[in-house]
C-alpha atoms as a PDB file:
ATOM      1  CA  MET A   1      24.269   8.605  -0.408  1.00  0.00           C
ATOM      2  CA  VAL A   2      21.503   8.088  -2.987  1.00  0.00           C
ATOM      3  CA  ASP A   3      20.393  11.181  -4.925  1.00  0.00           C
ATOM      4  CA  LEU A   4      16.591  10.962  -4.567  1.00  0.00           C
ATOM      5  CA  ASN A   5      15.985  13.498  -7.343  1.00  0.00           C
ATOM      6  CA  ALA A   6      18.028  11.410  -9.768  1.00  0.00           C
ATOM      7  CA  LEU A   7      16.303   8.228  -8.578  1.00  0.00           C
ATOM      8  CA  THR A   8      12.881   9.831  -9.090  1.00  0.00           C
ATOM      9  CA  ALA A   9      13.829  10.833 -12.638  1.00  0.00           C
ATOM     10  CA  ALA A  10      15.222   7.355 -13.340  1.00  0.00           C
ATOM     11  CA  ASN A  11      12.045   5.690 -12.102  1.00  0.00           C
ATOM     12  CA  ALA A  12       9.919   8.039 -14.222  1.00  0.00           C
ATOM     13  CA  SER A  13      12.029   7.114 -17.261  1.00  0.00           C
ATOM     14  CA  ARG A  14      11.734   3.409 -16.516  1.00  0.00           C
ATOM     15  CA  TRP A  15       7.975   3.769 -16.108  1.00  0.00           C
ATOM     16  CA  ALA A  16       7.690   5.492 -19.501  1.00  0.00           C
ATOM     17  CA  ASN A  17       9.461   2.567 -21.186  1.00  0.00           C
ATOM     18  CA  ALA A  18       8.370  -0.422 -19.099  1.00  0.00           C
ATOM     19  CA  LYS A  19       6.776  -3.504 -20.625  1.00  0.00           C
ATOM     20  CA  LEU A  20       5.364  -6.404 -18.613  1.00  0.00           C
ATOM     21  CA  THR A  21       7.273  -9.667 -18.986  1.00  0.00           C
ATOM     22  CA  ARG A  22       4.960 -11.709 -16.715  1.00  0.00           C
ATOM     23  CA  GLU A  23       1.672 -10.059 -17.655  1.00  0.00           C
ATOM     24  CA  PRO A  24      -0.756 -12.924 -16.766  1.00  0.00           C
ATOM     25  CA  GLU A  25       0.655 -13.137 -13.229  1.00  0.00           C
ATOM     26  CA  PHE A  26      -0.288  -9.544 -12.464  1.00  0.00           C
ATOM     27  CA  THR A  27      -3.997 -10.050 -13.140  1.00  0.00           C
ATOM     28  CA  ARG A  28      -5.039 -11.768  -9.913  1.00  0.00           C
ATOM     29  CA  PRO A  29      -3.303  -9.431  -7.419  1.00  0.00           C
ATOM     30  CA  ALA A  30      -4.447  -6.418  -9.461  1.00  0.00           C
ATOM     31  CA  LYS A  31      -8.062  -7.571  -9.267  1.00  0.00           C
ATOM     32  CA  VAL A  32      -7.731  -8.141  -5.507  1.00  0.00           C
ATOM     33  CA  ALA A  33      -6.247  -4.658  -5.060  1.00  0.00           C
ATOM     34  CA  VAL A  34      -8.975  -2.926  -7.057  1.00  0.00           C
ATOM     35  CA  ALA A  35     -11.686  -4.926  -5.260  1.00  0.00           C
ATOM     36  CA  ASN A  36     -10.397  -3.548  -1.943  1.00  0.00           C
ATOM     37  CA  LYS A  37     -10.088   0.051  -3.174  1.00  0.00           C
ATOM     38  CA  SER A  38     -12.628   1.427  -0.679  1.00  0.00           C
ATOM     39  CA  ARG A  39     -10.694  -0.043   2.222  1.00  0.00           C
ATOM     40  CA  TYR A  40      -7.344   1.332   1.041  1.00  0.00           C
ATOM     41  CA  LEU A  41      -8.945   4.695   0.252  1.00  0.00           C
ATOM     42  CA  ALA A  42     -10.293   4.984   3.791  1.00  0.00           C
ATOM     43  CA  ILE A  43      -6.789   4.341   5.165  1.00  0.00           C
ATOM     44  CA  ALA A  44      -5.299   7.007   2.899  1.00  0.00           C
ATOM     45  CA  ARG A  45      -7.795   9.578   4.105  1.00  0.00           C
ATOM     46  CA  GLN A  46      -7.296   8.629   7.753  1.00  0.00           C
ATOM     47  CA  ALA A  47      -3.535   9.093   7.294  1.00  0.00           C
ATOM     48  CA  GLY A  48      -4.076  12.536   5.750  1.00  0.00           C
ATOM     49  CA  MET A  49      -2.921  11.440   2.294  1.00  0.00           C
ATOM     50  CA  PRO A  50      -4.476  12.320  -1.104  1.00  0.00           C
ATOM     51  CA  ASP A  51      -6.939   9.824  -2.563  1.00  0.00           C
ATOM     52  CA  ILE A  52      -4.411   8.516  -5.125  1.00  0.00           C
ATOM     53  CA  ALA A  53      -2.436   7.160  -2.162  1.00  0.00           C
ATOM     54  CA  TRP A  54      -4.803   4.187  -2.075  1.00  0.00           C
ATOM     55  CA  VAL A  55      -2.753   2.791  -4.971  1.00  0.00           C
ATOM     56  CA  PHE A  56       0.460   3.197  -2.951  1.00  0.00           C
ATOM     57  CA  ILE A  57      -1.175   1.384  -0.004  1.00  0.00           C
ATOM     58  CA  ALA A  58      -2.602  -1.385  -2.190  1.00  0.00           C
ATOM     59  CA  VAL A  59       0.694  -2.315  -3.844  1.00  0.00           C
ATOM     60  CA  SER A  60       2.589  -2.036  -0.537  1.00  0.00           C
ATOM     61  CA  HIS A  61       0.069  -4.460   0.940  1.00  0.00           C
ATOM     62  CA  TYR A  62       0.877  -6.910  -1.855  1.00  0.00           C
ATOM     63  CA  ARG A  63       4.647  -6.720  -1.390  1.00  0.00           C
ATOM     64  CA  GLU A  64       4.706  -6.559   2.403  1.00  0.00           C
ATOM     65  CA  SER A  65       1.806  -8.842   3.342  1.00  0.00           C
ATOM     66  CA  SER A  66       0.756 -10.739   0.184  1.00  0.00           C
ATOM     67  CA  GLN A  67      -2.617  -8.926   0.457  1.00  0.00           C
ATOM     68  CA  ASP A  68      -3.348 -10.673   3.769  1.00  0.00           C
ATOM     69  CA  PHE A  69      -5.461  -8.377   5.953  1.00  0.00           C
ATOM     70  CA  SER A  70      -4.388 -10.230   9.097  1.00  0.00           C
ATOM     71  CA  LYS A  71      -0.843  -8.906   8.627  1.00  0.00           C
ATOM     72  CA  SER A  72       0.603  -5.425   8.999  1.00  0.00           C
ATOM     73  CA  LEU A  73       1.311  -3.119   6.077  1.00  0.00           C
ATOM     74  CA  ALA A  74       4.632  -2.195   7.680  1.00  0.00           C
ATOM     75  CA  GLN A  75       6.464  -5.510   7.457  1.00  0.00           C
ATOM     76  CA  GLY A  76       4.002  -8.400   7.190  1.00  0.00           C
ATOM     77  CA  ASP A  77       3.937  -9.320  10.892  1.00  0.00           C
ATOM     78  CA  PRO A  78       0.523 -10.030  12.492  1.00  0.00           C
ATOM     79  CA  TRP A  79      -0.897  -6.642  13.496  1.00  0.00           C
ATOM     80  CA  ASN A  80      -2.466  -8.016  16.694  1.00  0.00           C
ATOM     81  CA  ARG A  81       0.986  -8.715  18.167  1.00  0.00           C
ATOM     82  CA  VAL A  82       4.122  -6.637  18.703  1.00  0.00           C
ATOM     83  CA  SER A  83       6.150  -6.732  15.483  1.00  0.00           C
ATOM     84  CA  THR A  84       9.512  -8.486  15.448  1.00  0.00           C
ATOM     85  CA  HIS A  85      10.667  -7.528  11.940  1.00  0.00           C
ATOM     86  CA  VAL A  86      11.720  -4.028  10.861  1.00  0.00           C
ATOM     87  CA  PRO A  87      10.053  -1.805  11.881  1.00  0.00           C
ATOM     88  CA  ALA A  88      10.057  -3.802  15.086  1.00  0.00           C
ATOM     89  CA  GLY A  89       8.212  -2.980  18.287  1.00  0.00           C
ATOM     90  CA  ARG A  90       5.027  -1.717  16.595  1.00  0.00           C
ATOM     91  CA  GLY A  91       1.653  -2.781  17.930  1.00  0.00           C
ATOM     92  CA  PRO A  92      -0.400  -4.578  18.880  1.00  0.00           C
ATOM     93  CA  PHE A  93      -3.199  -2.797  17.002  1.00  0.00           C
ATOM     94  CA  GLN A  94      -6.958  -3.082  16.963  1.00  0.00           C
ATOM     95  CA  SER A  95      -7.265  -3.562  13.205  1.00  0.00           C
ATOM     96  CA  PHE A  96      -5.424  -3.732   9.912  1.00  0.00           C
ATOM     97  CA  GLU A  97      -6.444  -0.129   9.308  1.00  0.00           C
ATOM     98  CA  ASP A  98      -4.921   1.106  12.572  1.00  0.00           C
ATOM     99  CA  ALA A  99      -1.670  -0.731  11.840  1.00  0.00           C
ATOM    100  CA  ALA A 100      -1.583   0.675   8.291  1.00  0.00           C
ATOM    101  CA  VAL A 101      -2.028   4.268   9.447  1.00  0.00           C
ATOM    102  CA  ASP A 102       0.766   3.776  11.978  1.00  0.00           C
ATOM    103  CA  ALA A 103       3.059   2.434   9.230  1.00  0.00           C
ATOM    104  CA  LEU A 104       2.309   5.355   6.910  1.00  0.00           C
ATOM    105  CA  VAL A 105       2.463   8.137   9.499  1.00  0.00           C
ATOM    106  CA  LYS A 106       4.990   7.014  12.105  1.00  0.00           C
ATOM    107  CA  CYS A 107       7.404   4.664  10.351  1.00  0.00           C
ATOM    108  CA  SER A 108      10.233   5.523   7.949  1.00  0.00           C
ATOM    109  CA  PRO A 109      10.100   6.670   5.166  1.00  0.00           C
ATOM    110  CA  TYR A 110       6.927   8.370   6.474  1.00  0.00           C
ATOM    111  CA  ALA A 111       4.887   7.900   3.320  1.00  0.00           C
ATOM    112  CA  ALA A 112       2.136  10.172   4.640  1.00  0.00           C
ATOM    113  CA  ARG A 113       4.555  13.095   4.212  1.00  0.00           C
ATOM    114  CA  LEU A 114       5.072  12.448   0.503  1.00  0.00           C
ATOM    115  CA  LYS A 115       4.450  15.597  -1.545  1.00  0.00           C
ATOM    116  CA  ASP A 116       5.367  14.375  -5.020  1.00  0.00           C
ATOM    117  CA  TRP A 117       2.491  12.249  -6.317  1.00  0.00           C
ATOM    118  CA  SER A 118       3.808  11.963  -9.853  1.00  0.00           C
ATOM    119  CA  ILE A 119       4.490   8.374 -10.825  1.00  0.00           C
ATOM    120  CA  GLY A 120       8.249   8.933 -10.402  1.00  0.00           C
ATOM    121  CA  GLY A 121       7.716  10.220  -6.872  1.00  0.00           C
ATOM    122  CA  ILE A 122       5.405   7.361  -5.913  1.00  0.00           C
ATOM    123  CA  LEU A 123       7.730   4.671  -7.251  1.00  0.00           C
ATOM    124  CA  THR A 124      10.715   6.230  -5.496  1.00  0.00           C
ATOM    125  CA  ASN A 125       8.891   6.337  -2.172  1.00  0.00           C
ATOM    126  CA  LEU A 126       7.856   2.718  -2.665  1.00  0.00           C
ATOM    127  CA  GLU A 127      11.510   1.888  -3.299  1.00  0.00           C
ATOM    128  CA  ARG A 128      12.492   3.755  -0.117  1.00  0.00           C
ATOM    129  CA  TYR A 129       9.844   1.706   1.711  1.00  0.00           C
ATOM    130  CA  ASN A 130      11.851  -1.390   0.852  1.00  0.00           C
ATOM    131  CA  GLY A 131      15.271   0.243   1.174  1.00  0.00           C
ATOM    132  CA  LEU A 132      17.731   1.984  -1.119  1.00  0.00           C
ATOM    133  CA  GLY A 133      20.177  -0.885  -1.469  1.00  0.00           C
ATOM    134  CA  TYR A 134      19.383  -1.342  -5.161  1.00  0.00           C
ATOM    135  CA  ALA A 135      19.685   2.369  -5.940  1.00  0.00           C
ATOM    136  CA  SER A 136      23.045   2.544  -4.158  1.00  0.00           C
ATOM    137  CA  ARG A 137      24.261  -0.150  -6.574  1.00  0.00           C
ATOM    138  CA  GLY A 138      22.841   1.697  -9.602  1.00  0.00           C
ATOM    139  CA  VAL A 139      20.384  -1.086 -10.482  1.00  0.00           C
ATOM    140  CA  PRO A 140      16.572  -1.132 -10.770  1.00  0.00           C
ATOM    141  CA  SER A 141      14.839  -2.273  -7.598  1.00  0.00           C
ATOM    142  CA  ALA A 142      13.300  -5.755  -7.714  1.00  0.00           C
ATOM    143  CA  TYR A 143      10.661  -4.477  -5.277  1.00  0.00           C
ATOM    144  CA  VAL A 144       9.534  -1.975  -7.918  1.00  0.00           C
ATOM    145  CA  TRP A 145      10.409  -3.523 -11.300  1.00  0.00           C
ATOM    146  CA  SER A 146      10.253  -7.313 -10.998  1.00  0.00           C
ATOM    147  CA  GLY A 147       7.974  -8.689 -13.708  1.00  0.00           C
ATOM    148  CA  THR A 148       8.902  -5.958 -16.205  1.00  0.00           C
ATOM    149  CA  ASP A 149      11.700  -5.569 -18.742  1.00  0.00           C
ATOM    150  CA  GLN A 150      13.318  -2.966 -16.471  1.00  0.00           C
ATOM    151  CA  TYR A 151      14.490  -5.764 -14.144  1.00  0.00           C
ATOM    152  CA  ARG A 152      16.708  -8.731 -14.951  1.00  0.00           C
ATOM    153  CA  SER A 153      18.216 -10.079 -11.760  1.00  0.00           C
ATOM    154  CA  GLY A 154      19.559  -9.130  -8.348  1.00  0.00           C
ATOM    155  CA  LYS A 155      17.890  -9.527  -4.987  1.00  0.00           C
ATOM    156  CA  PHE A 156      18.575  -9.011  -1.312  1.00  0.00           C
ATOM    157  CA  VAL A 157      18.317 -12.555   0.035  1.00  0.00           C
ATOM    158  CA  ALA A 158      18.749 -11.379   3.637  1.00  0.00           C
ATOM    159  CA  ASP A 159      19.210  -8.063   5.415  1.00  0.00           C
ATOM    160  CA  GLY A 160      22.282  -6.475   3.817  1.00  0.00           C
ATOM    161  CA  VAL A 161      23.033  -9.562   1.696  1.00  0.00           C
ATOM    162  CA  TYR A 162      22.727  -8.904  -2.045  1.00  0.00           C
ATOM    163  CA  ASP A 163      22.902 -11.690  -4.647  1.00  0.00           C
ATOM    164  CA  PRO A 164      23.324 -10.203  -8.172  1.00  0.00           C
ATOM    165  CA  ASN A 165      22.254 -13.481  -9.820  1.00  0.00           C
ATOM    166  CA  LYS A 166      19.108 -14.104  -7.790  1.00  0.00           C
ATOM    167  CA  VAL A 167      15.814 -13.314  -9.544  1.00  0.00           C
ATOM    168  CA  ASP A 168      12.952 -12.009  -7.421  1.00  0.00           C
ATOM    169  CA  ALA A 169       9.959 -14.326  -7.880  1.00  0.00           C
ATOM    170  CA  GLN A 170       7.544 -11.814  -6.368  1.00  0.00           C
ATOM    171  CA  LEU A 171       6.026  -9.263  -8.736  1.00  0.00           C
ATOM    172  CA  GLY A 172       7.082  -5.623  -8.507  1.00  0.00           C
ATOM    173  CA  VAL A 173       4.809  -2.717  -7.652  1.00  0.00           C
ATOM    174  CA  ALA A 174       5.241  -0.880 -10.973  1.00  0.00           C
ATOM    175  CA  GLY A 175       3.804  -3.706 -13.063  1.00  0.00           C
ATOM    176  CA  LEU A 176       1.022  -4.142 -10.543  1.00  0.00           C
ATOM    177  CA  ILE A 177       0.091  -0.453 -10.857  1.00  0.00           C
ATOM    178  CA  LEU A 178       0.105  -0.729 -14.661  1.00  0.00           C
ATOM    179  CA  THR A 179      -2.311  -3.669 -14.489  1.00  0.00           C
ATOM    180  CA  MET A 180      -4.514  -1.921 -11.922  1.00  0.00           C
ATOM    181  CA  MET A 181      -4.757   1.062 -14.296  1.00  0.00           C
ATOM    182  CA  GLU A 182      -6.251  -1.203 -16.952  1.00  0.00           C
ATOM    183  CA  LEU A 183      -8.916  -2.353 -14.475  1.00  0.00           C
ATOM    184  CA  ASP A 184      -9.628   1.064 -12.959  1.00  0.00           C
ATOM    185  CA  GLN A 185      -9.200   3.913 -15.425  1.00  0.00           C
ATOM    186  CA  SER A 186      -9.741   6.509 -12.689  1.00  0.00           C
ATOM    187  CA  ILE A 187      -6.148   5.890 -11.570  1.00  0.00           C
ATOM    188  CA  THR A 188      -4.080   8.883 -12.692  1.00  0.00           C
ATOM    189  CA  PHE A 189      -1.019  10.574 -11.250  1.00  0.00           C
ATOM    190  CA  ALA A 190      -0.347  14.200 -10.420  1.00  0.00           C
ATOM    191  CA  GLY A 191       1.860  16.514 -12.417  1.00  0.00           C
ATOM    192  CA  PRO A 192       4.422  15.851 -15.119  1.00  0.00           C
ATOM    193  CA  ALA A 193       7.361  13.618 -14.390  1.00  0.00           C
ATOM    194  CA  PRO A 194      10.352  15.394 -12.800  1.00  0.00           C
ATOM    195  CA  GLN A 195      12.636  17.127 -15.279  1.00  0.00           C
ATOM    196  CA  VAL A 196      15.812  16.301 -13.345  1.00  0.00           C
ATOM    197  CA  GLN A 197      18.203  14.379 -15.553  1.00  0.00           C
ATOM    198  CA  PRO A 198      19.302  11.091 -13.952  1.00  0.00           C
ATOM    199  CA  LYS A 199      22.975  10.381 -13.533  1.00  0.00           C
ATOM    200  CA  PRO A 200      24.283   7.913 -16.120  1.00  0.00           C
ATOM    201  CA  SER A 201      25.011   5.336 -13.428  1.00  0.00           C
ATOM    202  CA  SER A 202      21.435   5.423 -12.137  1.00  0.00           C
ATOM    203  CA  VAL A 203      19.852   3.993 -15.286  1.00  0.00           C
ATOM    204  CA  THR A 204      20.891   0.601 -16.639  1.00  0.00           C
ATOM    205  CA  PRO A 205      20.776  -0.301 -20.337  1.00  0.00           C
ATOM    206  CA  SER A 206      17.554  -2.238 -19.636  1.00  0.00           C
ATOM    207  CA  ALA A 207      15.884   1.095 -18.863  1.00  0.00           C
ATOM    208  CA  GLN A 208      16.310   2.169 -22.494  1.00  0.00           C
ATOM    209  CA  PRO A 209      14.481  -0.466 -24.566  1.00  0.00           C
ATOM    210  CA  VAL A 210      14.302  -0.291 -28.349  1.00  0.00           C
ATOM    211  CA  LYS A 211      11.177   1.583 -29.416  1.00  0.00           C
ATOM    212  CA  ASP A 212       9.908  -1.126 -31.730  1.00  0.00           C
ATOM    213  CA  GLY A 213       6.426  -2.229 -32.781  1.00  0.00           C
ATOM    214  CA  ILE A 214       5.795  -4.026 -29.481  1.00  0.00           C
ATOM    215  CA  TRP A 215       6.804  -0.906 -27.534  1.00  0.00           C
ATOM    216  CA  LEU A 216       4.483   1.216 -29.679  1.00  0.00           C
ATOM    217  CA  GLN A 217       1.503  -1.115 -29.267  1.00  0.00           C
ATOM    218  CA  ASN A 218       2.075  -1.519 -25.534  1.00  0.00           C
ATOM    219  CA  SER A 219       2.382   2.261 -25.131  1.00  0.00           C
ATOM    220  CA  LEU A 220      -0.824   2.946 -27.067  1.00  0.00           C
ATOM    221  CA  ASN A 221      -2.688   0.333 -25.002  1.00  0.00           C
ATOM    222  CA  ARG A 222      -1.509   1.993 -21.784  1.00  0.00           C
ATOM    223  CA  LEU A 223      -2.726   5.334 -23.129  1.00  0.00           C
ATOM    224  CA  GLY A 224      -6.235   4.058 -23.840  1.00  0.00           C
ATOM    225  CA  ALA A 225      -6.160   2.593 -27.357  1.00  0.00           C
ATOM    226  CA  SER A 226      -9.618   1.283 -28.245  1.00  0.00           C
ATOM    227  CA  PRO A 227      -9.935  -1.431 -29.312  1.00  0.00           C
ATOM    228  CA  LYS A 228      -6.897  -2.712 -27.455  1.00  0.00           C
ATOM    229  CA  LEU A 229      -4.054  -3.641 -29.778  1.00  0.00           C
ATOM    230  CA  GLU A 230      -2.611  -7.119 -30.089  1.00  0.00           C
ATOM    231  CA  LEU A 231       1.072  -7.093 -29.093  1.00  0.00           C
ATOM    232  CA  ASP A 232       2.436  -8.664 -32.261  1.00  0.00           C
ATOM    233  CA  GLY A 233       4.979  -5.986 -33.231  1.00  0.00           C
ATOM    234  CA  ILE A 234       3.348  -5.493 -36.647  1.00  0.00           C
ATOM    235  CA  VAL A 235       2.535  -1.850 -37.351  1.00  0.00           C
ATOM    236  CA  GLY A 236      -0.484  -2.628 -39.504  1.00  0.00           C
ATOM    237  CA  PRO A 237      -3.805  -0.853 -40.064  1.00  0.00           C
ATOM    238  CA  ALA A 238      -5.065  -1.260 -36.475  1.00  0.00           C
ATOM    239  CA  THR A 239      -1.859   0.135 -34.969  1.00  0.00           C
ATOM    240  CA  ARG A 240      -1.690   3.018 -37.439  1.00  0.00           C
ATOM    241  CA  ASN A 241      -5.315   3.824 -36.668  1.00  0.00           C
ATOM    242  CA  ALA A 242      -4.517   3.935 -32.943  1.00  0.00           C
ATOM    243  CA  VAL A 243      -1.545   6.202 -33.713  1.00  0.00           C
ATOM    244  CA  ARG A 244      -3.868   8.570 -35.592  1.00  0.00           C
ATOM    245  CA  ALA A 245      -6.311   8.626 -32.658  1.00  0.00           C
ATOM    246  CA  PHE A 246      -3.448   9.427 -30.276  1.00  0.00           C
ATOM    247  CA  GLN A 247      -2.094  12.143 -32.584  1.00  0.00           C
ATOM    248  CA  LEU A 248      -5.558  13.687 -32.901  1.00  0.00           C
ATOM    249  CA  ALA A 249      -6.043  13.709 -29.110  1.00  0.00           C
ATOM    250  CA  SER A 250      -2.534  15.112 -28.568  1.00  0.00           C
ATOM    251  CA  GLY A 251      -2.975  17.992 -30.998  1.00  0.00           C
ATOM    252  CA  ILE A 252      -0.118  16.986 -33.291  1.00  0.00           C
ATOM    253  CA  GLY A 253      -0.021  16.163 -36.992  1.00  0.00           C
ATOM    254  CA  VAL A 254      -2.304  13.227 -37.845  1.00  0.00           C
ATOM    255  CA  ASP A 255      -0.672  10.897 -40.355  1.00  0.00           C
ATOM    256  CA  GLY A 256      -0.491   7.507 -38.619  1.00  0.00           C
ATOM    257  CA  LEU A 257       3.300   7.598 -38.786  1.00  0.00           C
ATOM    258  CA  VAL A 258       5.522   7.589 -35.716  1.00  0.00           C
ATOM    259  CA  GLY A 259       8.187  10.242 -36.165  1.00  0.00           C
ATOM    260  CA  PRO A 260      10.077  12.412 -33.658  1.00  0.00           C
ATOM    261  CA  GLU A 261       7.015  14.534 -32.801  1.00  0.00           C
ATOM    262  CA  THR A 262       4.873  11.481 -32.046  1.00  0.00           C
ATOM    263  CA  PHE A 263       7.645   9.763 -30.066  1.00  0.00           C
ATOM    264  CA  THR A 264       8.018  12.900 -27.954  1.00  0.00           C
ATOM    265  CA  ALA A 265       4.263  13.072 -27.340  1.00  0.00           C
ATOM    266  CA  LEU A 266       4.145   9.367 -26.421  1.00  0.00           C
ATOM    267  CA  ASP A 267       7.041   9.709 -23.974  1.00  0.00           C
ATOM    268  CA  LYS A 268       5.416  12.756 -22.367  1.00  0.00           C
ATOM    269  CA  ALA A 269       2.042  11.046 -21.983  1.00  0.00           C
ATOM    270  CA  LEU A 270       3.581   7.852 -20.600  1.00  0.00           C
ATOM    271  CA  ALA A 271       5.706   9.762 -18.085  1.00  0.00           C
ATOM    272  CA  ALA A 272       2.605  11.629 -16.867  1.00  0.00           C
ATOM    273  CA  GLY A 273       0.941   8.255 -16.217  1.00  0.00           C
ATOM    274  CA  LYS A 274      -2.402   9.597 -17.456  1.00  0.00           C
ATOM    275  CA  PRO A 275      -4.405   7.921 -20.255  1.00  0.00           C
ATOM    276  CA  VAL A 276      -4.982  10.147 -23.290  1.00  0.00           C
ATOM    277  CA  PRO A 277      -8.677  10.317 -24.283  1.00  0.00           C
ATOM    278  CA  THR A 278      -8.858   9.221 -27.901  1.00  0.00           C
ATOM    279  CA  MET A 279     -11.560   9.339 -30.555  1.00  0.00           C
ATOM    280  CA  PRO A 280     -11.762   6.476 -33.091  1.00  0.00           C
ATOM    281  CA  VAL A 281     -10.830   7.519 -36.607  1.00  0.00           C
ATOM    282  CA  PRO A 282     -11.644   5.746 -39.888  1.00  0.00           C
ATOM    283  CA  PRO A 283      -9.423   2.716 -40.497  1.00  0.00           C
ATOM    284  CA  ASP A 284      -7.063   2.303 -43.404  1.00  0.00           C
ATOM    285  CA  ILE A 285      -8.651   1.374 -46.711  1.00  0.00           C
ATOM    286  CA  VAL A 286      -6.970  -1.828 -47.865  1.00  0.00           C
ATOM    287  CA  LEU A 287      -7.409  -2.653 -51.550  1.00  0.00           C
ATOM    288  CA  PRO A 288      -7.257  -6.229 -52.863  1.00  0.00           C
ATOM    289  CA  PRO A 289      -3.915  -7.165 -54.418  1.00  0.00           C
ATOM    290  CA  PRO A 290      -3.607  -6.884 -58.219  1.00  0.00           C
ATOM    291  CA  GLY A 291      -4.313 -10.054 -60.148  1.00  0.00           C
ATOM    292  CA  THR A 292      -7.076 -11.271 -57.837  1.00  0.00           C
ATOM    293  CA  GLN A 293     -10.750 -11.544 -58.749  1.00  0.00           C
ATOM    294  CA  ALA A 294     -11.589  -9.097 -55.970  1.00  0.00           C
ATOM    295  CA  HIS A 295      -9.255  -6.563 -57.572  1.00  0.00           C
ATOM    296  CA  ALA A 296     -10.848  -7.154 -60.974  1.00  0.00           C
ATOM    297  CA  ASN A 297     -14.285  -6.548 -59.455  1.00  0.00           C
ATOM    298  CA  LEU A 298     -13.191  -3.021 -58.555  1.00  0.00           C
ATOM    299  CA  ALA A 299     -13.471  -1.937 -62.211  1.00  0.00           C
ATOM    300  CA  PRO A 300     -17.106  -0.744 -62.161  1.00  0.00           C
ATOM    301  CA  THR A 301     -16.784   0.748 -58.682  1.00  0.00           C
ATOM    302  CA  PHE A 302     -15.741   4.155 -57.464  1.00  0.00           C
ATOM    303  CA  TRP A 303     -12.336   2.847 -56.360  1.00  0.00           C
ATOM    304  CA  GLY A 304     -11.921   1.192 -59.725  1.00  0.00           C
ATOM    305  CA  ARG A 305     -12.410   4.535 -61.421  1.00  0.00           C
ATOM    306  CA  VAL A 306      -9.940   6.130 -59.021  1.00  0.00           C
ATOM    307  CA  LEU A 307      -7.347   3.492 -59.879  1.00  0.00           C
ATOM    308  CA  ASP A 308      -7.960   4.101 -63.603  1.00  0.00           C
ATOM    309  CA  LEU A 309      -6.859   7.690 -63.126  1.00  0.00           C
ATOM    310  CA  PHE A 310      -3.396   6.500 -62.169  1.00  0.00           C
ATOM    311  CA  LYS A 311      -2.952   3.856 -64.835  1.00  0.00           C
ATOM    312  CA  PRO A 312      -0.015   4.513 -67.197  1.00  0.00           C
ATOM    313  CA  LYS A 313      -1.198   6.141 -70.417  1.00  0.00           C
ATOM    314  CA  GLY A 314      -0.240   4.819 -73.819  1.00  0.00           C
END
């Protein structure tokens, strides 16, 4: 039996640390999803779900039906015929919308009943939509995490048949949501991530990546860094400036350095899945290296006089 509270916490932790490994591939389906927002939003409202559920519906449509509106949200069968795949025996329906509402309201795991609209809750319900076979093995779901560093391999190649060495070629819903958030900044998720501590077996080592320069830049980009940082792993002036903007917006000490307080604030903001509004701050002042003509030209300037104050006396 899978502990859904532990799975929700594990998915929230993975989300807070996830980096895209196939970033360019997410762009096209993310654009298609956002372009059809009004259609997904109407379905969410018809099913009695909150507006944020349009994101849930959009990414399910990608995984289940490859964004084909002639196929059902439930399992990818044509909605104008009786379905033969699980859930079987549904339909025929009059439209994609009617079939989608049926899938959300009347088919397990009854997504329309979801109460937890934090990112951990959404990802867990998406995982339940596909089945809990991955969670029962203590591994990240390919359905959710394929295309991110939280997933390495393992796939159900047939009903009940799991191949640990098979890599899912289809992109996962988590990376798709991350890319959609870059295109539509109105996408935010309710409440803080669950505080339930996941069981050790429910999080693989890949869910705890090293918090290096790439992680920092990727995290700041996801939280609204402007201008967007290049993912080069170098914590230079642009990255430090973005850190200062984040620190200022988060109400913590502003020094451009990433210590325990800033790491904690980053983790909290990432887990909440909500961009942090930032205000640009002045960039670092970079002086020319000693021995260059540009450095020599500083002498009659204000900065030259400042440097003179610190010259050794004698």
